[in-house]
Amino acid sequence: MDNPYSLEGKTALVTGAARGIGRAIAERFVAAGARHVVCADVLDNLLAEIPTNASLSTRVMDVTDEGAWQQAVDAVVQAHGRLDILVNNAGVLVFGTLDETSPADFRRMLEINVTGTFLGIREGLRVMKTQRRGVIINTSSSSGMLPSNFVGAYAASKYAVRGLTRSAALEAGPHGIRVNSIHPGGVNTPMTNPFGQPQEEVDTGYKFVAAQRGCQPEEIAHGVTYLASDAAAYCNGTELVIDGGLTAGIYFPGLPGSPI
């Protein structure tokens, strides 16, 4: 019996894959048997550090550039015959209250987080409609479910990704294409932990989360691999929250059942 969780024979393109969640997704895809995975990112210096082989390659790419998207997708199809999985993972995070966030920073974040996702969906659908099959997975955030102070602009961009995902799922479904989103929370990556605090210190900031800790990118990659596989064949427009319970609710400190 075939393993529905396998990605055997499938070709994937993952953006924002030079580090963090994107790189973990690419590595997990290869481990799940993917025929070939392209790691795309604008961080060429970090891409150069990724060992490449017959199953994994890298591509310098700016997700806000429409032409770059067309070239990247066409290159995958030319080299491998098809594009089975597209993960729109590239994103940036701007810390700050809304009144401290500059319009320039806000526009830049929207260009990468939202426009970059839109262009990816658009190009993915272009080839997947011809194939009558494909999977697109967009990285939103737990902040796209439950906003918080100091990351309001980021939350706005990730709510937009939810809207794009749901609309794309409706439009793509009749063509045999699934479009889903993931909503990570508490992930220890260079973007969320720019000062490189050890995991033990990071975990102390998550006592308000049911899991009582943050997580590693690999834990997010497992969920993405599920959505990419045939095991998730009936998932379309699905919002997979992987946040240790961050958005489940709140603790009232001092009351029974609360760890704080």
Protein backbone atom coordinates (compact mmCIF):
# COMPACT_ATOMS: atom_id res chain seq x y z
CA MET A 1 0.00 0.00 0.00
CA ASP A 2 1.32 3.44 -0.91
CA ASN A 3 2.28 5.78 1.92
CA PRO A 4 -0.01 8.84 1.66
CA TYR A 5 2.44 10.85 3.76
CA SER A 6 5.24 10.40 1.25
CA LEU A 7 6.28 13.11 -1.21
CA GLU A 8 7.92 10.59 -3.51
CA GLY A 9 8.30 11.86 -7.06
CA LYS A 10 7.12 15.37 -6.27
CA THR A 11 8.88 18.62 -7.12
CA ALA A 12 8.70 21.63 -4.82
CA LEU A 13 9.70 25.28 -4.64
CA VAL A 14 10.10 26.82 -1.17
CA THR A 15 10.71 30.55 -0.69
CA GLY A 16 12.46 32.06 2.29
CA ALA A 17 14.40 28.80 2.46
CA ALA A 18 17.89 30.03 3.24
CA ARG A 19 17.25 29.61 6.96
CA GLY A 20 14.62 29.09 9.64
CA ILE A 21 11.25 27.58 8.82
CA GLY A 22 11.81 27.58 5.06
CA ARG A 23 15.04 25.63 5.24
CA ALA A 24 13.50 23.14 7.67
CA ILE A 25 10.58 22.64 5.27
CA ALA A 26 12.91 21.99 2.34
CA GLU A 27 14.95 19.47 4.32
CA ARG A 28 11.80 17.73 5.56
CA PHE A 29 10.45 17.49 2.01
CA VAL A 30 13.65 15.78 0.88
CA ALA A 31 13.44 13.39 3.83
CA ALA A 32 9.85 12.60 2.84
CA GLY A 33 11.05 11.46 -0.57
CA ALA A 34 10.57 14.52 -2.76
CA ARG A 35 12.15 14.16 -6.17
CA HIS A 36 13.58 17.68 -6.08
CA VAL A 37 13.24 20.77 -3.86
CA VAL A 38 14.35 24.27 -4.84
CA CYS A 39 15.33 26.55 -1.95
CA ALA A 40 14.69 30.14 -3.03
CA ASP A 41 15.72 33.23 -1.09
CA VAL A 42 17.14 36.70 -1.49
CA LEU A 43 19.89 35.90 1.06
CA ASP A 44 22.45 34.60 -1.40
CA ASN A 45 25.22 34.31 1.21
CA LEU A 46 23.14 31.88 3.29
CA LEU A 47 21.96 29.96 0.25
CA ALA A 48 25.60 29.36 -0.64
CA GLU A 49 26.03 27.48 2.65
CA ILE A 50 23.34 24.90 1.82
CA PRO A 51 24.74 21.60 0.51
CA THR A 52 23.11 20.86 -2.84
CA ASN A 53 22.59 17.49 -4.52
CA ALA A 54 20.28 15.75 -6.97
CA SER A 55 17.35 16.30 -4.60
CA LEU A 56 18.07 19.86 -3.47
CA SER A 57 19.10 23.04 -5.26
CA THR A 58 19.14 26.76 -4.49
CA ARG A 59 17.99 29.85 -6.34
CA VAL A 60 18.53 33.52 -5.55
CA MET A 61 15.13 35.15 -5.86
CA ASP A 62 13.29 38.28 -4.76
CA VAL A 63 9.65 37.34 -4.13
CA THR A 64 8.50 40.91 -4.83
CA ASP A 65 9.79 40.67 -8.42
CA GLU A 66 7.13 39.38 -10.85
CA GLY A 67 9.72 38.50 -13.49
CA ALA A 68 11.79 36.56 -10.98
CA TRP A 69 8.74 34.49 -10.10
CA GLN A 70 8.02 33.67 -13.73
CA GLN A 71 11.63 32.66 -14.33
CA ALA A 72 11.80 30.52 -11.18
CA VAL A 73 8.60 28.60 -11.89
CA ASP A 74 9.48 28.14 -15.55
CA ALA A 75 12.93 26.86 -14.58
CA VAL A 76 11.42 24.23 -12.26
CA VAL A 77 9.01 23.03 -14.94
CA GLN A 78 11.72 22.98 -17.60
CA ALA A 79 14.09 20.98 -15.40
CA HIS A 80 11.60 18.60 -13.78
CA GLY A 81 8.52 18.62 -15.96
CA ARG A 82 6.11 19.98 -13.34
CA LEU A 83 5.68 21.90 -10.10
CA ASP A 84 3.77 19.87 -7.52
CA ILE A 85 4.26 21.92 -4.36
CA LEU A 86 4.80 25.64 -3.81
CA VAL A 87 5.46 27.02 -0.34
CA ASN A 88 5.16 30.80 -0.05
CA ASN A 89 7.21 31.14 3.11
CA ALA A 90 9.34 34.26 2.55
CA GLY A 91 8.52 37.00 5.03
CA VAL A 92 9.88 39.74 7.25
CA LEU A 93 8.95 40.88 10.74
CA VAL A 94 8.95 44.49 11.89
CA PHE A 95 8.86 45.03 15.63
CA GLY A 96 7.27 48.20 17.00
CA THR A 97 4.02 49.84 17.97
CA LEU A 98 1.92 51.13 15.10
CA ASP A 99 2.73 54.77 15.85
CA GLU A 100 6.45 53.89 15.79
CA THR A 101 6.30 51.94 12.51
CA SER A 102 7.38 54.00 9.53
CA PRO A 103 5.29 53.95 6.35
CA ALA A 104 8.40 52.75 4.48
CA ASP A 105 8.81 49.74 6.79
CA PHE A 106 5.10 48.97 6.55
CA ARG A 107 5.11 49.11 2.75
CA ARG A 108 8.23 46.92 2.57
CA MET A 109 6.63 44.30 4.79
CA LEU A 110 3.45 44.29 2.74
CA GLU A 111 5.48 43.91 -0.46
CA ILE A 112 7.30 40.84 0.86
CA ASN A 113 4.66 39.20 3.04
CA VAL A 114 1.57 39.93 0.95
CA THR A 115 2.54 40.87 -2.60
CA GLY A 116 5.21 38.14 -2.59
CA THR A 117 2.58 35.58 -1.60
CA PHE A 118 0.14 36.89 -4.21
CA LEU A 119 2.74 36.62 -6.98
CA GLY A 120 3.61 33.11 -5.86
CA ILE A 121 -0.01 32.01 -5.90
CA ARG A 122 -0.47 33.58 -9.32
CA GLU A 123 2.53 31.84 -10.85
CA GLY A 124 1.81 28.57 -9.11
CA LEU A 125 -1.72 28.50 -10.46
CA ARG A 126 -0.45 29.25 -13.96
CA VAL A 127 1.32 25.89 -14.19
CA MET A 128 -0.78 23.86 -11.77
CA LYS A 129 -3.98 24.56 -13.69
CA THR A 130 -2.38 22.94 -16.72
CA GLN A 131 -1.36 19.95 -14.60
CA ARG A 132 -4.82 19.76 -13.00
CA ARG A 133 -3.03 19.08 -9.74
CA GLY A 134 -0.85 20.88 -7.21
CA VAL A 135 -0.49 22.17 -3.66
CA ILE A 136 0.19 25.73 -2.53
CA ILE A 137 0.98 26.40 1.12
CA ASN A 138 1.25 29.95 2.45
CA THR A 139 2.97 30.88 5.69
CA SER A 140 0.77 33.15 7.77
CA SER A 141 1.30 33.31 11.54
CA SER A 142 -0.35 32.92 14.90
CA SER A 143 -0.30 36.74 14.75
CA GLY A 144 -2.69 36.37 11.83
CA MET A 145 -5.08 34.68 14.25
CA LEU A 146 -4.49 36.65 17.43
CA PRO A 147 -2.74 40.04 17.17
CA SER A 148 -0.58 41.42 19.93
CA ASN A 149 1.15 44.63 20.81
CA PHE A 150 4.50 45.49 19.22
CA VAL A 151 3.85 43.46 16.04
CA GLY A 152 0.63 45.09 14.81
CA ALA A 153 1.87 45.82 11.29
CA TYR A 154 3.12 42.26 10.94
CA ALA A 155 -0.24 40.94 12.13
CA ALA A 156 -1.99 42.99 9.45
CA SER A 157 0.17 41.43 6.74
CA LYS A 158 -0.48 37.91 8.01
CA TYR A 159 -4.23 38.48 8.15
CA ALA A 160 -3.96 39.41 4.48
CA VAL A 161 -2.24 36.09 3.77
CA ARG A 162 -5.25 34.32 5.30
CA GLY A 163 -7.57 36.15 2.92
CA LEU A 164 -5.43 35.35 -0.10
CA THR A 165 -5.28 31.70 0.89
CA ARG A 166 -9.02 31.27 1.33
CA SER A 167 -9.82 33.06 -1.92
CA ALA A 168 -7.21 31.05 -3.81
CA ALA A 169 -8.58 27.81 -2.38
CA LEU A 170 -12.02 28.62 -3.75
CA GLU A 171 -10.69 29.54 -7.18
CA ALA A 172 -8.16 26.70 -7.42
CA GLY A 173 -10.20 23.81 -6.01
CA PRO A 174 -12.16 23.10 -9.20
CA HIS A 175 -8.82 22.72 -11.00
CA GLY A 176 -7.57 20.00 -8.65
CA ILE A 177 -5.34 22.38 -6.68
CA ARG A 178 -5.26 22.71 -2.90
CA VAL A 179 -4.30 25.99 -1.20
CA ASN A 180 -3.75 26.04 2.57
CA SER A 181 -2.04 28.21 5.16
CA ILE A 182 0.06 27.49 8.22
CA HIS A 183 0.08 29.61 11.35
CA PRO A 184 3.27 29.12 13.34
CA GLY A 185 3.80 30.63 16.75
CA GLY A 186 6.73 30.73 19.14
CA VAL A 187 9.25 29.50 16.59
CA ASN A 188 12.90 30.07 17.42
CA THR A 189 14.35 31.50 14.20
CA PRO A 190 16.77 34.33 13.36
CA MET A 191 13.75 36.47 12.42
CA THR A 192 11.95 36.11 15.77
CA ASN A 193 15.10 35.75 17.86
CA PRO A 194 17.53 38.23 16.27
CA PHE A 195 19.85 38.25 19.27
CA GLY A 196 20.28 34.48 19.26
CA GLN A 197 19.08 33.73 22.78
CA PRO A 198 19.40 30.05 23.75
CA GLN A 199 16.21 27.98 23.63
CA GLU A 200 16.02 27.84 27.43
CA GLU A 201 15.79 31.63 27.61
CA VAL A 202 13.31 31.77 24.75
CA ASP A 203 11.09 29.27 26.56
CA THR A 204 10.79 31.51 29.62
CA GLY A 205 8.88 34.00 27.49
CA TYR A 206 6.19 31.44 26.64
CA LYS A 207 4.69 30.71 30.05
CA PHE A 208 1.44 32.13 28.69
CA VAL A 209 1.33 29.31 26.11
CA ALA A 210 -0.16 25.91 26.92
CA ALA A 211 2.97 24.08 25.71
CA GLN A 212 5.06 26.19 28.11
CA ARG A 213 7.82 26.60 25.52
CA GLY A 214 8.74 27.85 22.10
CA CYS A 215 9.49 25.48 19.25
CA GLN A 216 12.03 24.65 16.59
CA PRO A 217 11.48 25.16 12.83
CA GLU A 218 11.44 21.40 12.33
CA GLU A 219 8.21 21.16 14.32
CA ILE A 220 6.54 23.50 11.83
CA ALA A 221 8.02 21.61 8.88
CA HIS A 222 6.26 18.40 9.91
CA GLY A 223 2.88 20.09 9.61
CA VAL A 224 3.75 21.62 6.25
CA THR A 225 4.87 18.22 4.96
CA TYR A 226 1.50 16.78 5.95
CA LEU A 227 -0.37 19.48 4.02
CA ALA A 228 1.88 18.90 1.01
CA SER A 229 1.20 15.17 1.01
CA ASP A 230 -1.72 13.18 -0.34
CA ALA A 231 -2.69 12.43 3.26
CA ALA A 232 -4.15 15.96 3.30
CA ALA A 233 -6.07 15.46 0.05
CA TYR A 234 -9.27 16.85 1.57
CA CYS A 235 -7.61 19.90 3.11
CA ASN A 236 -8.35 23.00 1.05
CA GLY A 237 -8.58 26.46 2.55
CA THR A 238 -7.35 24.86 5.76
CA GLU A 239 -5.62 27.02 8.36
CA LEU A 240 -3.20 24.78 10.23
CA VAL A 241 -2.26 26.40 13.53
CA ILE A 242 1.04 25.14 14.96
CA ASP A 243 1.59 27.34 17.98
CA GLY A 244 1.63 25.17 21.10
CA GLY A 245 -1.70 26.63 22.18
CA LEU A 246 -0.70 30.29 21.86
CA THR A 247 -4.02 31.20 20.25
CA ALA A 248 -6.13 28.71 22.23
CA GLY A 249 -6.97 31.18 24.98
CA ILE A 250 -5.52 33.07 27.94
CA TYR A 251 -4.50 32.20 31.49
CA PHE A 252 -5.81 34.18 34.44
CA PRO A 253 -2.71 34.35 36.69
CA GLY A 254 -3.17 32.90 40.13
CA LEU A 255 -6.33 30.96 39.39
CA PRO A 256 -6.42 27.13 39.39
CA GLY A 257 -5.09 25.67 36.16
CA SER A 258 -2.77 28.58 35.44
CA PRO A 259 1.00 28.13 35.47
CA ILE A 260 1.52 31.87 36.00
